[in-house]
PDB file of N, CA and C in Angstrom:
ATOM      1  N   UNK A   1      34.895 -84.469 -65.130  1.00  0.00           N
ATOM      2  CA  UNK A   1      35.044 -83.824 -63.835  1.00  0.00           C
ATOM      3  C   UNK A   1      34.420 -82.438 -63.913  1.00  0.00           C
ATOM      4  N   UNK A   2      33.753 -82.061 -62.848  1.00  0.00           N
ATOM      5  CA  UNK A   2      33.217 -80.703 -62.741  1.00  0.00           C
ATOM      6  C   UNK A   2      34.027 -79.933 -61.708  1.00  0.00           C
ATOM      7  N   UNK A   3      34.035 -78.620 -61.903  1.00  0.00           N
ATOM      8  CA  UNK A   3      34.794 -77.742 -61.034  1.00  0.00           C
ATOM      9  C   UNK A   3      33.876 -76.657 -60.503  1.00  0.00           C
ATOM     10  N   UNK A   4      34.184 -76.157 -59.309  1.00  0.00           N
ATOM     11  CA  UNK A   4      33.382 -75.090 -58.719  1.00  0.00           C
ATOM     12  C   UNK A   4      34.263 -73.913 -58.348  1.00  0.00           C
ATOM     13  N   UNK A   5      33.583 -72.808 -58.144  1.00  0.00           N
ATOM     14  CA  UNK A   5      34.244 -71.542 -57.828  1.00  0.00           C
ATOM     15  C   UNK A   5      33.242 -70.696 -57.048  1.00  0.00           C
ATOM     16  N   UNK A   6      33.718 -69.890 -56.130  1.00  0.00           N
ATOM     17  CA  UNK A   6      32.834 -69.034 -55.340  1.00  0.00           C
ATOM     18  C   UNK A   6      33.053 -67.571 -55.694  1.00  0.00           C
ATOM     19  N   UNK A   7      31.950 -66.840 -55.754  1.00  0.00           N
ATOM     20  CA  UNK A   7      31.968 -65.405 -56.051  1.00  0.00           C
ATOM     21  C   UNK A   7      31.169 -64.710 -54.952  1.00  0.00           C
ATOM     22  N   UNK A   8      31.724 -63.646 -54.392  1.00  0.00           N
ATOM     23  CA  UNK A   8      31.038 -62.874 -53.354  1.00  0.00           C
ATOM     24  C   UNK A   8      30.283 -61.725 -54.018  1.00  0.00           C
ATOM     25  N   UNK A   9      28.968 -61.853 -54.106  1.00  0.00           N
ATOM     26  CA  UNK A   9      28.147 -60.810 -54.722  1.00  0.00           C
ATOM     27  C   UNK A   9      27.561 -59.909 -53.649  1.00  0.00           C
ATOM     28  N   UNK A  10      27.007 -58.767 -54.049  1.00  0.00           N
ATOM     29  CA  UNK A  10      26.348 -57.891 -53.074  1.00  0.00           C
ATOM     30  C   UNK A  10      25.126 -58.548 -52.427  1.00  0.00           C
ATOM     31  N   UNK A  11      24.640 -59.645 -53.006  1.00  0.00           N
ATOM     32  CA  UNK A  11      23.458 -60.332 -52.490  1.00  0.00           C
ATOM     33  C   UNK A  11      23.804 -61.643 -51.798  1.00  0.00           C
ATOM     34  N   UNK A  12      25.078 -61.887 -51.578  1.00  0.00           N
ATOM     35  CA  UNK A  12      25.521 -63.112 -50.929  1.00  0.00           C
ATOM     36  C   UNK A  12      26.385 -63.941 -51.850  1.00  0.00           C
ATOM     37  N   UNK A  13      26.853 -65.050 -51.323  1.00  0.00           N
ATOM     38  CA  UNK A  13      27.745 -65.915 -52.083  1.00  0.00           C
ATOM     39  C   UNK A  13      27.064 -66.578 -53.260  1.00  0.00           C
ATOM     40  N   UNK A  14      27.833 -66.754 -54.317  1.00  0.00           N
ATOM     41  CA  UNK A  14      27.374 -67.450 -55.510  1.00  0.00           C
ATOM     42  C   UNK A  14      28.382 -68.558 -55.784  1.00  0.00           C
ATOM     43  N   UNK A  15      27.874 -69.745 -56.058  1.00  0.00           N
ATOM     44  CA  UNK A  15      28.720 -70.861 -56.462  1.00  0.00           C
ATOM     45  C   UNK A  15      28.511 -71.104 -57.947  1.00  0.00           C
ATOM     46  N   UNK A  16      29.603 -71.185 -58.676  1.00  0.00           N
ATOM     47  CA  UNK A  16      29.563 -71.447 -60.110  1.00  0.00           C
ATOM     48  C   UNK A  16      30.153 -72.825 -60.365  1.00  0.00           C
ATOM     49  N   UNK A  17      29.676 -73.492 -61.412  1.00  0.00           N
ATOM     50  CA  UNK A  17      30.200 -74.800 -61.806  1.00  0.00           C
ATOM     51  C   UNK A  17      30.636 -74.743 -63.260  1.00  0.00           C
ATOM     52  N   UNK A  18      31.616 -75.568 -63.594  1.00  0.00           N
ATOM     53  CA  UNK A  18      32.129 -75.608 -64.957  1.00  0.00           C
ATOM     54  C   UNK A  18      32.614 -77.018 -65.306  1.00  0.00           C
ATOM     55  N   UNK A  19      32.570 -77.305 -66.610  1.00  0.00           N
ATOM     56  CA  UNK A  19      33.155 -78.541 -67.135  1.00  0.00           C
ATOM     57  C   UNK A  19      34.597 -78.294 -67.586  1.00  0.00           C
ATOM     58  N   UNK A  20      35.126 -77.156 -67.285  1.00  0.00           N
ATOM     59  CA  UNK A  20      36.469 -76.654 -67.588  1.00  0.00           C
ATOM     60  C   UNK A  20      36.452 -75.686 -68.770  1.00  0.00           C
ATOM     61  N   UNK A  21      35.448 -75.780 -69.631  1.00  0.00           N
ATOM     62  CA  UNK A  21      35.359 -74.916 -70.806  1.00  0.00           C
ATOM     63  C   UNK A  21      34.223 -73.900 -70.700  1.00  0.00           C
ATOM     64  N   UNK A  22      33.095 -74.313 -70.132  1.00  0.00           N
ATOM     65  CA  UNK A  22      31.888 -73.484 -70.068  1.00  0.00           C
ATOM     66  C   UNK A  22      31.301 -73.518 -68.670  1.00  0.00           C
ATOM     67  N   UNK A  23      30.459 -72.529 -68.373  1.00  0.00           N
ATOM     68  CA  UNK A  23      29.702 -72.574 -67.127  1.00  0.00           C
ATOM     69  C   UNK A  23      28.596 -73.604 -67.282  1.00  0.00           C
ATOM     70  N   UNK A  24      28.444 -74.453 -66.279  1.00  0.00           N
ATOM     71  CA  UNK A  24      27.391 -75.469 -66.304  1.00  0.00           C
ATOM     72  C   UNK A  24      26.366 -75.252 -65.202  1.00  0.00           C
ATOM     73  N   UNK A  25      26.609 -74.293 -64.327  1.00  0.00           N
ATOM     74  CA  UNK A  25      25.658 -74.013 -63.262  1.00  0.00           C
ATOM     75  C   UNK A  25      26.049 -72.777 -62.485  1.00  0.00           C
ATOM     76  N   UNK A  26      25.048 -72.164 -61.866  1.00  0.00           N
ATOM     77  CA  UNK A  26      25.266 -70.995 -61.023  1.00  0.00           C
ATOM     78  C   UNK A  26      24.133 -70.959 -60.009  1.00  0.00           C
ATOM     79  N   UNK A  27      24.489 -70.875 -58.736  1.00  0.00           N
ATOM     80  CA  UNK A  27      23.497 -70.874 -57.667  1.00  0.00           C
ATOM     81  C   UNK A  27      23.870 -69.857 -56.603  1.00  0.00           C
ATOM     82  N   UNK A  28      22.869 -69.156 -56.081  1.00  0.00           N
ATOM     83  CA  UNK A  28      23.088 -68.369 -54.881  1.00  0.00           C
ATOM     84  C   UNK A  28      23.224 -69.376 -53.745  1.00  0.00           C
ATOM     85  N   UNK A  29      24.253 -69.222 -52.927  1.00  0.00           N
ATOM     86  CA  UNK A  29      24.500 -70.161 -51.843  1.00  0.00           C
ATOM     87  C   UNK A  29      23.274 -70.243 -50.932  1.00  0.00           C
ATOM     88  N   UNK A  30      22.872 -71.467 -50.632  1.00  0.00           N
ATOM     89  CA  UNK A  30      21.762 -71.698 -49.729  1.00  0.00           C
ATOM     90  C   UNK A  30      20.390 -71.693 -50.373  1.00  0.00           C
ATOM     91  N   UNK A  31      20.292 -71.450 -51.678  1.00  0.00           N
ATOM     92  CA  UNK A  31      18.970 -71.436 -52.315  1.00  0.00           C
ATOM     93  C   UNK A  31      18.375 -72.834 -52.294  1.00  0.00           C
ATOM     94  N   UNK A  32      17.071 -72.932 -52.525  1.00  0.00           N
ATOM     95  CA  UNK A  32      16.345 -74.196 -52.417  1.00  0.00           C
ATOM     96  C   UNK A  32      16.966 -75.289 -53.270  1.00  0.00           C
ATOM     97  N   UNK A  33      17.311 -74.992 -54.503  1.00  0.00           N
ATOM     98  CA  UNK A  33      17.850 -76.009 -55.405  1.00  0.00           C
ATOM     99  C   UNK A  33      19.356 -75.873 -55.581  1.00  0.00           C
ATOM    100  N   UNK A  34      20.044 -75.427 -54.520  1.00  0.00           N
ATOM    101  CA  UNK A  34      21.487 -75.235 -54.600  1.00  0.00           C
ATOM    102  C   UNK A  34      22.173 -76.509 -55.080  1.00  0.00           C
ATOM    103  N   UNK A  35      22.997 -76.357 -56.092  1.00  0.00           N
ATOM    104  CA  UNK A  35      23.787 -77.468 -56.597  1.00  0.00           C
ATOM    105  C   UNK A  35      23.015 -78.478 -57.415  1.00  0.00           C
ATOM    106  N   UNK A  36      21.775 -78.171 -57.793  1.00  0.00           N
ATOM    107  CA  UNK A  36      20.991 -79.109 -58.603  1.00  0.00           C
ATOM    108  C   UNK A  36      21.743 -79.386 -59.896  1.00  0.00           C
ATOM    109  N   UNK A  37      21.983 -80.629 -60.172  1.00  0.00           N
ATOM    110  CA  UNK A  37      22.693 -81.008 -61.386  1.00  0.00           C
ATOM    111  C   UNK A  37      24.201 -81.081 -61.223  1.00  0.00           C
ATOM    112  N   UNK A  38      24.717 -80.613 -60.111  1.00  0.00           N
ATOM    113  CA  UNK A  38      26.165 -80.658 -59.879  1.00  0.00           C
ATOM    114  C   UNK A  38      26.552 -82.077 -59.475  1.00  0.00           C
ATOM    115  N   UNK A  39      27.542 -82.630 -60.141  1.00  0.00           N
ATOM    116  CA  UNK A  39      27.964 -83.996 -59.814  1.00  0.00           C
ATOM    117  C   UNK A  39      28.587 -84.030 -58.424  1.00  0.00           C
ATOM    118  N   UNK A  40      28.490 -85.186 -57.796  1.00  0.00           N
ATOM    119  CA  UNK A  40      29.063 -85.340 -56.454  1.00  0.00           C
ATOM    120  C   UNK A  40      30.582 -85.244 -56.498  1.00  0.00           C
ATOM    121  N   UNK A  41      31.154 -85.635 -57.640  1.00  0.00           N
ATOM    122  CA  UNK A  41      32.594 -85.557 -57.833  1.00  0.00           C
ATOM    123  C   UNK A  41      32.932 -84.216 -58.469  1.00  0.00           C
ATOM    124  N   UNK A  42      33.339 -83.258 -57.652  1.00  0.00           N
ATOM    125  CA  UNK A  42      33.763 -81.961 -58.175  1.00  0.00           C
ATOM    126  C   UNK A  42      34.812 -81.380 -57.233  1.00  0.00           C
ATOM    127  N   UNK A  43      35.579 -80.467 -57.782  1.00  0.00           N
ATOM    128  CA  UNK A  43      36.609 -79.841 -56.963  1.00  0.00           C
ATOM    129  C   UNK A  43      36.653 -78.350 -57.257  1.00  0.00           C
ATOM    130  N   UNK A  44      37.068 -77.613 -56.251  1.00  0.00           N
ATOM    131  CA  UNK A  44      37.192 -76.171 -56.417  1.00  0.00           C
ATOM    132  C   UNK A  44      38.498 -75.883 -57.141  1.00  0.00           C
ATOM    133  N   UNK A  45      38.401 -75.024 -58.174  1.00  0.00           N
ATOM    134  CA  UNK A  45      39.595 -74.715 -58.971  1.00  0.00           C
ATOM    135  C   UNK A  45      39.401 -73.374 -59.656  1.00  0.00           C
ATOM    136  N   UNK A  46      40.494 -72.673 -59.878  1.00  0.00           N
ATOM    137  CA  UNK A  46      40.469 -71.435 -60.658  1.00  0.00           C
ATOM    138  C   UNK A  46      40.630 -71.808 -62.128  1.00  0.00           C
ATOM    139  N   UNK A  47      39.708 -71.324 -62.956  1.00  0.00           N
ATOM    140  CA  UNK A  47      39.733 -71.599 -64.392  1.00  0.00           C
ATOM    141  C   UNK A  47      39.476 -70.308 -65.160  1.00  0.00           C
ATOM    142  N   UNK A  48      39.933 -70.215 -66.401  1.00  0.00           N
ATOM    143  CA  UNK A  48      39.655 -69.021 -67.203  1.00  0.00           C
ATOM    144  C   UNK A  48      38.159 -68.711 -67.323  1.00  0.00           C
ATOM    145  N   UNK A  49      37.315 -69.734 -67.436  1.00  0.00           N
ATOM    146  CA  UNK A  49      35.880 -69.476 -67.542  1.00  0.00           C
ATOM    147  C   UNK A  49      35.344 -68.830 -66.262  1.00  0.00           C
ATOM    148  N   UNK A  50      35.914 -69.178 -65.111  1.00  0.00           N
ATOM    149  CA  UNK A  50      35.495 -68.548 -63.865  1.00  0.00           C
ATOM    150  C   UNK A  50      35.976 -67.098 -63.805  1.00  0.00           C
ATOM    151  N   UNK A  51      37.158 -66.837 -64.340  1.00  0.00           N
ATOM    152  CA  UNK A  51      37.650 -65.455 -64.403  1.00  0.00           C
ATOM    153  C   UNK A  51      36.712 -64.606 -65.263  1.00  0.00           C
ATOM    154  N   UNK A  52      36.258 -65.166 -66.403  1.00  0.00           N
ATOM    155  CA  UNK A  52      35.308 -64.449 -67.263  1.00  0.00           C
ATOM    156  C   UNK A  52      33.994 -64.213 -66.531  1.00  0.00           C
ATOM    157  N   UNK A  53      33.517 -65.237 -65.839  1.00  0.00           N
ATOM    158  CA  UNK A  53      32.252 -65.111 -65.112  1.00  0.00           C
ATOM    159  C   UNK A  53      32.372 -64.079 -63.996  1.00  0.00           C
ATOM    160  N   UNK A  54      33.483 -64.091 -63.275  1.00  0.00           N
ATOM    161  CA  UNK A  54      33.702 -63.087 -62.219  1.00  0.00           C
ATOM    162  C   UNK A  54      33.672 -61.674 -62.800  1.00  0.00           C
ATOM    163  N   UNK A  55      34.327 -61.512 -63.948  1.00  0.00           N
ATOM    164  CA  UNK A  55      34.366 -60.191 -64.583  1.00  0.00           C
ATOM    165  C   UNK A  55      32.957 -59.776 -64.998  1.00  0.00           C
ATOM    166  N   UNK A  56      32.187 -60.711 -65.598  1.00  0.00           N
ATOM    167  CA  UNK A  56      30.812 -60.426 -66.023  1.00  0.00           C
ATOM    168  C   UNK A  56      29.965 -60.033 -64.821  1.00  0.00           C
ATOM    169  N   UNK A  57      30.046 -60.805 -63.740  1.00  0.00           N
ATOM    170  CA  UNK A  57      29.253 -60.519 -62.542  1.00  0.00           C
ATOM    171  C   UNK A  57      29.647 -59.181 -61.918  1.00  0.00           C
ATOM    172  N   UNK A  58      30.938 -58.887 -61.874  1.00  0.00           N
ATOM    173  CA  UNK A  58      31.388 -57.608 -61.300  1.00  0.00           C
ATOM    174  C   UNK A  58      30.867 -56.428 -62.109  1.00  0.00           C
ATOM    175  N   UNK A  59      30.904 -56.534 -63.421  1.00  0.00           N
ATOM    176  CA  UNK A  59      30.364 -55.466 -64.277  1.00  0.00           C
ATOM    177  C   UNK A  59      28.867 -55.311 -64.032  1.00  0.00           C
ATOM    178  N   UNK A  60      28.148 -56.432 -64.034  1.00  0.00           N
ATOM    179  CA  UNK A  60      26.695 -56.419 -63.850  1.00  0.00           C
ATOM    180  C   UNK A  60      26.317 -55.798 -62.505  1.00  0.00           C
ATOM    181  N   UNK A  61      26.958 -56.257 -61.426  1.00  0.00           N
ATOM    182  CA  UNK A  61      26.616 -55.751 -60.092  1.00  0.00           C
ATOM    183  C   UNK A  61      27.081 -54.316 -59.875  1.00  0.00           C
ATOM    184  N   UNK A  62      27.940 -53.788 -60.747  1.00  0.00           N
ATOM    185  CA  UNK A  62      28.351 -52.389 -60.639  1.00  0.00           C
ATOM    186  C   UNK A  62      27.323 -51.461 -61.294  1.00  0.00           C
ATOM    187  N   UNK A  63      26.309 -52.052 -61.933  1.00  0.00           N
ATOM    188  CA  UNK A  63      25.270 -51.248 -62.570  1.00  0.00           C
ATOM    189  C   UNK A  63      25.518 -50.980 -64.040  1.00  0.00           C
ATOM    190  N   UNK A  64      26.511 -51.653 -64.599  1.00  0.00           N
ATOM    191  CA  UNK A  64      26.794 -51.494 -66.024  1.00  0.00           C
ATOM    192  C   UNK A  64      26.394 -52.764 -66.773  1.00  0.00           C
ATOM    193  N   UNK A  65      26.218 -52.621 -68.078  1.00  0.00           N
ATOM    194  CA  UNK A  65      25.838 -53.767 -68.907  1.00  0.00           C
ATOM    195  C   UNK A  65      27.083 -54.463 -69.438  1.00  0.00           C
ATOM    196  N   UNK A  66      27.273 -55.747 -69.113  1.00  0.00           N
ATOM    197  CA  UNK A  66      28.418 -56.467 -69.673  1.00  0.00           C
ATOM    198  C   UNK A  66      28.273 -56.574 -71.193  1.00  0.00           C
ATOM    199  N   UNK A  67      29.392 -56.477 -71.893  1.00  0.00           N
ATOM    200  CA  UNK A  67      29.352 -56.544 -73.360  1.00  0.00           C
ATOM    201  C   UNK A  67      29.780 -57.917 -73.884  1.00  0.00           C
ATOM    202  N   UNK A  68      29.720 -58.922 -73.019  1.00  0.00           N
ATOM    203  CA  UNK A  68      30.077 -60.285 -73.398  1.00  0.00           C
ATOM    204  C   UNK A  68      29.314 -61.245 -72.492  1.00  0.00           C
ATOM    205  N   UNK A  69      29.271 -62.496 -72.881  1.00  0.00           N
ATOM    206  CA  UNK A  69      28.688 -63.544 -72.041  1.00  0.00           C
ATOM    207  C   UNK A  69      29.694 -64.685 -71.975  1.00  0.00           C
ATOM    208  N   UNK A  70      30.021 -65.146 -70.768  1.00  0.00           N
ATOM    209  CA  UNK A  70      30.922 -66.299 -70.686  1.00  0.00           C
ATOM    210  C   UNK A  70      30.284 -67.500 -71.388  1.00  0.00           C
ATOM    211  N   UNK A  71      31.083 -68.456 -71.847  1.00  0.00           N
ATOM    212  CA  UNK A  71      30.512 -69.638 -72.496  1.00  0.00           C
ATOM    213  C   UNK A  71      29.594 -70.392 -71.537  1.00  0.00           C
ATOM    214  N   UNK A  72      28.418 -70.770 -72.038  1.00  0.00           N
ATOM    215  CA  UNK A  72      27.417 -71.462 -71.231  1.00  0.00           C
ATOM    216  C   UNK A  72      27.142 -72.849 -71.803  1.00  0.00           C
ATOM    217  N   UNK A  73      26.983 -73.813 -70.941  1.00  0.00           N
ATOM    218  CA  UNK A  73      26.610 -75.166 -71.344  1.00  0.00           C
ATOM    219  C   UNK A  73      25.743 -75.734 -70.229  1.00  0.00           C
ATOM    220  N   UNK A  74      24.479 -75.349 -70.244  1.00  0.00           N
ATOM    221  CA  UNK A  74      23.589 -75.732 -69.159  1.00  0.00           C
ATOM    222  C   UNK A  74      22.973 -77.101 -69.386  1.00  0.00           C
ATOM    223  N   UNK A  75      22.951 -77.896 -68.332  1.00  0.00           N
ATOM    224  CA  UNK A  75      22.271 -79.187 -68.354  1.00  0.00           C
ATOM    225  C   UNK A  75      20.798 -78.889 -68.098  1.00  0.00           C
ATOM    226  N   UNK A  76      19.951 -79.243 -69.049  1.00  0.00           N
ATOM    227  CA  UNK A  76      18.557 -78.851 -68.906  1.00  0.00           C
ATOM    228  C   UNK A  76      17.642 -79.711 -69.750  1.00  0.00           C
ATOM    229  N   UNK A  77      16.382 -79.722 -69.342  1.00  0.00           N
ATOM    230  CA  UNK A  77      15.352 -80.348 -70.163  1.00  0.00           C
ATOM    231  C   UNK A  77      15.051 -79.400 -71.323  1.00  0.00           C
ATOM    232  N   UNK A  78      14.396 -79.877 -72.361  1.00  0.00           N
ATOM    233  CA  UNK A  78      14.018 -78.980 -73.460  1.00  0.00           C
ATOM    234  C   UNK A  78      13.166 -77.800 -72.973  1.00  0.00           C
ATOM    235  N   UNK A  79      12.284 -78.037 -72.001  1.00  0.00           N
ATOM    236  CA  UNK A  79      11.457 -76.946 -71.474  1.00  0.00           C
ATOM    237  C   UNK A  79      12.325 -75.913 -70.749  1.00  0.00           C
ATOM    238  N   UNK A  80      13.253 -76.367 -69.920  1.00  0.00           N
ATOM    239  CA  UNK A  80      14.147 -75.438 -69.235  1.00  0.00           C
ATOM    240  C   UNK A  80      14.956 -74.627 -70.242  1.00  0.00           C
ATOM    241  N   UNK A  81      15.442 -75.276 -71.276  1.00  0.00           N
ATOM    242  CA  UNK A  81      16.205 -74.563 -72.313  1.00  0.00           C
ATOM    243  C   UNK A  81      15.350 -73.491 -72.984  1.00  0.00           C
ATOM    244  N   UNK A  82      14.086 -73.808 -73.251  1.00  0.00           N
ATOM    245  CA  UNK A  82      13.182 -72.826 -73.871  1.00  0.00           C
ATOM    246  C   UNK A  82      13.026 -71.608 -72.968  1.00  0.00           C
ATOM    247  N   UNK A  83      12.874 -71.840 -71.666  1.00  0.00           N
ATOM    248  CA  UNK A  83      12.755 -70.728 -70.715  1.00  0.00           C
ATOM    249  C   UNK A  83      14.043 -69.928 -70.701  1.00  0.00           C
ATOM    250  N   UNK A  84      15.175 -70.606 -70.624  1.00  0.00           N
ATOM    251  CA  UNK A  84      16.459 -69.911 -70.555  1.00  0.00           C
ATOM    252  C   UNK A  84      16.751 -69.122 -71.815  1.00  0.00           C
ATOM    253  N   UNK A  85      16.357 -69.638 -72.966  1.00  0.00           N
ATOM    254  CA  UNK A  85      16.557 -68.894 -74.219  1.00  0.00           C
ATOM    255  C   UNK A  85      15.789 -67.567 -74.177  1.00  0.00           C
ATOM    256  N   UNK A  86      14.612 -67.595 -73.593  1.00  0.00           N
ATOM    257  CA  UNK A  86      13.839 -66.350 -73.459  1.00  0.00           C
ATOM    258  C   UNK A  86      14.515 -65.426 -72.451  1.00  0.00           C
ATOM    259  N   UNK A  87      15.002 -65.978 -71.351  1.00  0.00           N
ATOM    260  CA  UNK A  87      15.693 -65.149 -70.356  1.00  0.00           C
ATOM    261  C   UNK A  87      16.876 -64.413 -70.974  1.00  0.00           C
ATOM    262  N   UNK A  88      17.563 -65.062 -71.893  1.00  0.00           N
ATOM    263  CA  UNK A  88      18.722 -64.433 -72.535  1.00  0.00           C
ATOM    264  C   UNK A  88      18.335 -63.267 -73.441  1.00  0.00           C
ATOM    265  N   UNK A  89      17.049 -63.135 -73.775  1.00  0.00           N
ATOM    266  CA  UNK A  89      16.605 -62.032 -74.637  1.00  0.00           C
ATOM    267  C   UNK A  89      16.158 -60.808 -73.860  1.00  0.00           C
ATOM    268  N   UNK A  90      16.065 -60.922 -72.538  1.00  0.00           N
ATOM    269  CA  UNK A  90      15.602 -59.792 -71.736  1.00  0.00           C
ATOM    270  C   UNK A  90      16.685 -58.719 -71.736  1.00  0.00           C
ATOM    271  N   UNK A  91      16.359 -57.515 -72.187  1.00  0.00           N
ATOM    272  CA  UNK A  91      17.379 -56.451 -72.221  1.00  0.00           C
ATOM    273  C   UNK A  91      17.897 -56.106 -70.822  1.00  0.00           C
ATOM    274  N   UNK A  92      19.133 -55.662 -70.790  1.00  0.00           N
ATOM    275  CA  UNK A  92      19.759 -55.244 -69.539  1.00  0.00           C
ATOM    276  C   UNK A  92      18.886 -54.204 -68.854  1.00  0.00           C
ATOM    277  N   UNK A  93      18.677 -54.375 -67.556  1.00  0.00           N
ATOM    278  CA  UNK A  93      17.905 -53.421 -66.770  1.00  0.00           C
ATOM    279  C   UNK A  93      16.402 -53.609 -66.865  1.00  0.00           C
ATOM    280  N   UNK A  94      15.954 -54.570 -67.628  1.00  0.00           N
ATOM    281  CA  UNK A  94      14.522 -54.833 -67.790  1.00  0.00           C
ATOM    282  C   UNK A  94      14.161 -56.122 -67.063  1.00  0.00           C
ATOM    283  N   UNK A  95      12.873 -56.328 -66.867  1.00  0.00           N
ATOM    284  CA  UNK A  95      12.391 -57.538 -66.231  1.00  0.00           C
ATOM    285  C   UNK A  95      11.286 -58.165 -67.073  1.00  0.00           C
ATOM    286  N   UNK A  96      11.011 -59.419 -66.788  1.00  0.00           N
ATOM    287  CA  UNK A  96       9.920 -60.130 -67.451  1.00  0.00           C
ATOM    288  C   UNK A  96       9.333 -61.074 -66.411  1.00  0.00           C
ATOM    289  N   UNK A  97       8.014 -61.146 -66.326  1.00  0.00           N
ATOM    290  CA  UNK A  97       7.379 -62.024 -65.352  1.00  0.00           C
ATOM    291  C   UNK A  97       7.342 -63.456 -65.867  1.00  0.00           C
ATOM    292  N   UNK A  98       7.152 -64.391 -64.943  1.00  0.00           N
ATOM    293  CA  UNK A  98       6.972 -65.784 -65.342  1.00  0.00           C
ATOM    294  C   UNK A  98       5.774 -65.912 -66.267  1.00  0.00           C
ATOM    295  N   UNK A  99       4.734 -65.144 -66.001  1.00  0.00           N
ATOM    296  CA  UNK A  99       3.543 -65.174 -66.851  1.00  0.00           C
ATOM    297  C   UNK A  99       3.838 -64.715 -68.269  1.00  0.00           C
ATOM    298  N   UNK A 100       4.659 -63.680 -68.406  1.00  0.00           N
ATOM    299  CA  UNK A 100       5.024 -63.204 -69.744  1.00  0.00           C
ATOM    300  C   UNK A 100       5.843 -64.255 -70.496  1.00  0.00           C
ATOM    301  N   UNK A 101       6.746 -64.909 -69.774  1.00  0.00           N
ATOM    302  CA  UNK A 101       7.546 -65.967 -70.394  1.00  0.00           C
ATOM    303  C   UNK A 101       6.642 -67.144 -70.780  1.00  0.00           C
ATOM    304  N   UNK A 102       5.721 -67.491 -69.896  1.00  0.00           N
ATOM    305  CA  UNK A 102       4.788 -68.591 -70.183  1.00  0.00           C
ATOM    306  C   UNK A 102       3.967 -68.294 -71.432  1.00  0.00           C
ATOM    307  N   UNK A 103       3.558 -67.042 -71.597  1.00  0.00           N
ATOM    308  CA  UNK A 103       2.775 -66.666 -72.780  1.00  0.00           C
ATOM    309  C   UNK A 103       3.599 -66.852 -74.056  1.00  0.00           C
ATOM    310  N   UNK A 104       4.863 -66.466 -74.020  1.00  0.00           N
ATOM    311  CA  UNK A 104       5.743 -66.627 -75.186  1.00  0.00           C
ATOM    312  C   UNK A 104       5.912 -68.102 -75.527  1.00  0.00           C
ATOM    313  N   UNK A 105       6.153 -68.928 -74.519  1.00  0.00           N
ATOM    314  CA  UNK A 105       6.338 -70.364 -74.767  1.00  0.00           C
ATOM    315  C   UNK A 105       5.048 -70.971 -75.309  1.00  0.00           C
ATOM    316  N   UNK A 106       3.908 -70.576 -74.753  1.00  0.00           N
ATOM    317  CA  UNK A 106       2.624 -71.084 -75.249  1.00  0.00           C
ATOM    318  C   UNK A 106       2.458 -70.736 -76.723  1.00  0.00           C
ATOM    319  N   UNK A 107       2.789 -69.502 -77.096  1.00  0.00           N
ATOM    320  CA  UNK A 107       2.688 -69.089 -78.499  1.00  0.00           C
ATOM    321  C   UNK A 107       3.632 -69.912 -79.377  1.00  0.00           C
ATOM    322  N   UNK A 108       4.851 -70.142 -78.894  1.00  0.00           N
ATOM    323  CA  UNK A 108       5.818 -70.925 -79.658  1.00  0.00           C
ATOM    324  C   UNK A 108       5.340 -72.358 -79.886  1.00  0.00           C
ATOM    325  N   UNK A 109       4.640 -72.908 -78.905  1.00  0.00           N
ATOM    326  CA  UNK A 109       4.181 -74.294 -78.988  1.00  0.00           C
ATOM    327  C   UNK A 109       2.766 -74.418 -79.546  1.00  0.00           C
ATOM    328  N   UNK A 110       2.141 -73.281 -79.867  1.00  0.00           N
ATOM    329  CA  UNK A 110       0.785 -73.319 -80.394  1.00  0.00           C
ATOM    330  C   UNK A 110      -0.252 -73.700 -79.356  1.00  0.00           C
ATOM    331  N   UNK A 111       0.017 -73.369 -78.104  1.00  0.00           N
ATOM    332  CA  UNK A 111      -0.904 -73.672 -77.010  1.00  0.00           C
ATOM    333  C   UNK A 111      -1.695 -72.429 -76.627  1.00  0.00           C
ATOM    334  N   UNK A 112      -2.854 -72.641 -76.027  1.00  0.00           N
ATOM    335  CA  UNK A 112      -3.662 -71.504 -75.594  1.00  0.00           C
ATOM    336  C   UNK A 112      -3.085 -70.860 -74.328  1.00  0.00           C
ATOM    337  N   UNK A 113      -2.383 -71.653 -73.517  1.00  0.00           N
ATOM    338  CA  UNK A 113      -1.748 -71.111 -72.300  1.00  0.00           C
ATOM    339  C   UNK A 113      -0.658 -72.041 -71.806  1.00  0.00           C
ATOM    340  N   UNK A 114       0.139 -71.514 -70.914  1.00  0.00           N
ATOM    341  CA  UNK A 114       1.240 -72.261 -70.298  1.00  0.00           C
ATOM    342  C   UNK A 114       1.288 -71.824 -68.844  1.00  0.00           C
ATOM    343  N   UNK A 115       1.666 -72.708 -67.963  1.00  0.00           N
ATOM    344  CA  UNK A 115       1.722 -72.424 -66.535  1.00  0.00           C
ATOM    345  C   UNK A 115       2.903 -71.521 -66.183  1.00  0.00           C
ATOM    346  N   UNK A 116       2.604 -70.410 -65.520  1.00  0.00           N
ATOM    347  CA  UNK A 116       3.664 -69.528 -65.030  1.00  0.00           C
ATOM    348  C   UNK A 116       4.464 -70.241 -63.945  1.00  0.00           C
ATOM    349  N   UNK A 117       3.804 -71.128 -63.180  1.00  0.00           N
ATOM    350  CA  UNK A 117       4.498 -71.883 -62.154  1.00  0.00           C
ATOM    351  C   UNK A 117       5.545 -72.807 -62.770  1.00  0.00           C
ATOM    352  N   UNK A 118       5.216 -73.416 -63.908  1.00  0.00           N
ATOM    353  CA  UNK A 118       6.174 -74.290 -64.600  1.00  0.00           C
ATOM    354  C   UNK A 118       7.393 -73.486 -65.024  1.00  0.00           C
ATOM    355  N   UNK A 119       7.153 -72.278 -65.527  1.00  0.00           N
ATOM    356  CA  UNK A 119       8.248 -71.402 -65.935  1.00  0.00           C
ATOM    357  C   UNK A 119       9.120 -71.076 -64.719  1.00  0.00           C
ATOM    358  N   UNK A 120       8.499 -70.734 -63.606  1.00  0.00           N
ATOM    359  CA  UNK A 120       9.249 -70.427 -62.396  1.00  0.00           C
ATOM    360  C   UNK A 120      10.083 -71.598 -61.906  1.00  0.00           C
ATOM    361  N   UNK A 121       9.558 -72.797 -62.069  1.00  0.00           N
ATOM    362  CA  UNK A 121      10.296 -73.993 -61.672  1.00  0.00           C
ATOM    363  C   UNK A 121      11.491 -74.268 -62.554  1.00  0.00           C
ATOM    364  N   UNK A 122      11.401 -73.823 -63.790  1.00  0.00           N
ATOM    365  CA  UNK A 122      12.511 -74.041 -64.736  1.00  0.00           C
ATOM    366  C   UNK A 122      13.662 -73.133 -64.393  1.00  0.00           C
TER     367      UNK A 122
END
């Protein structure tokens, strides 16, 4: 069973999903791929992992760097996981373009280039 929870961010509503132990998804409400990967059978519930995620999001949106990460268990292809692993290395307050991420993945795979569009889709 999957569970959902709503968080009101300064940029609009966010829906979070969990398997009860870890976060399995997070979407800004109304985004193009909202709920991608979320099972049809899910219910809204308060869980400790959602409390941790709410605390992390509140710290982040207040302009401070959270000193923890809630448990994550993302459903993903190997390519999506590679992109997400790079996203987790971006320092607080910094940004990285899809092109920069694509270059890192290309280097990791021994390729001459990688599509920035593919990275954006991940």
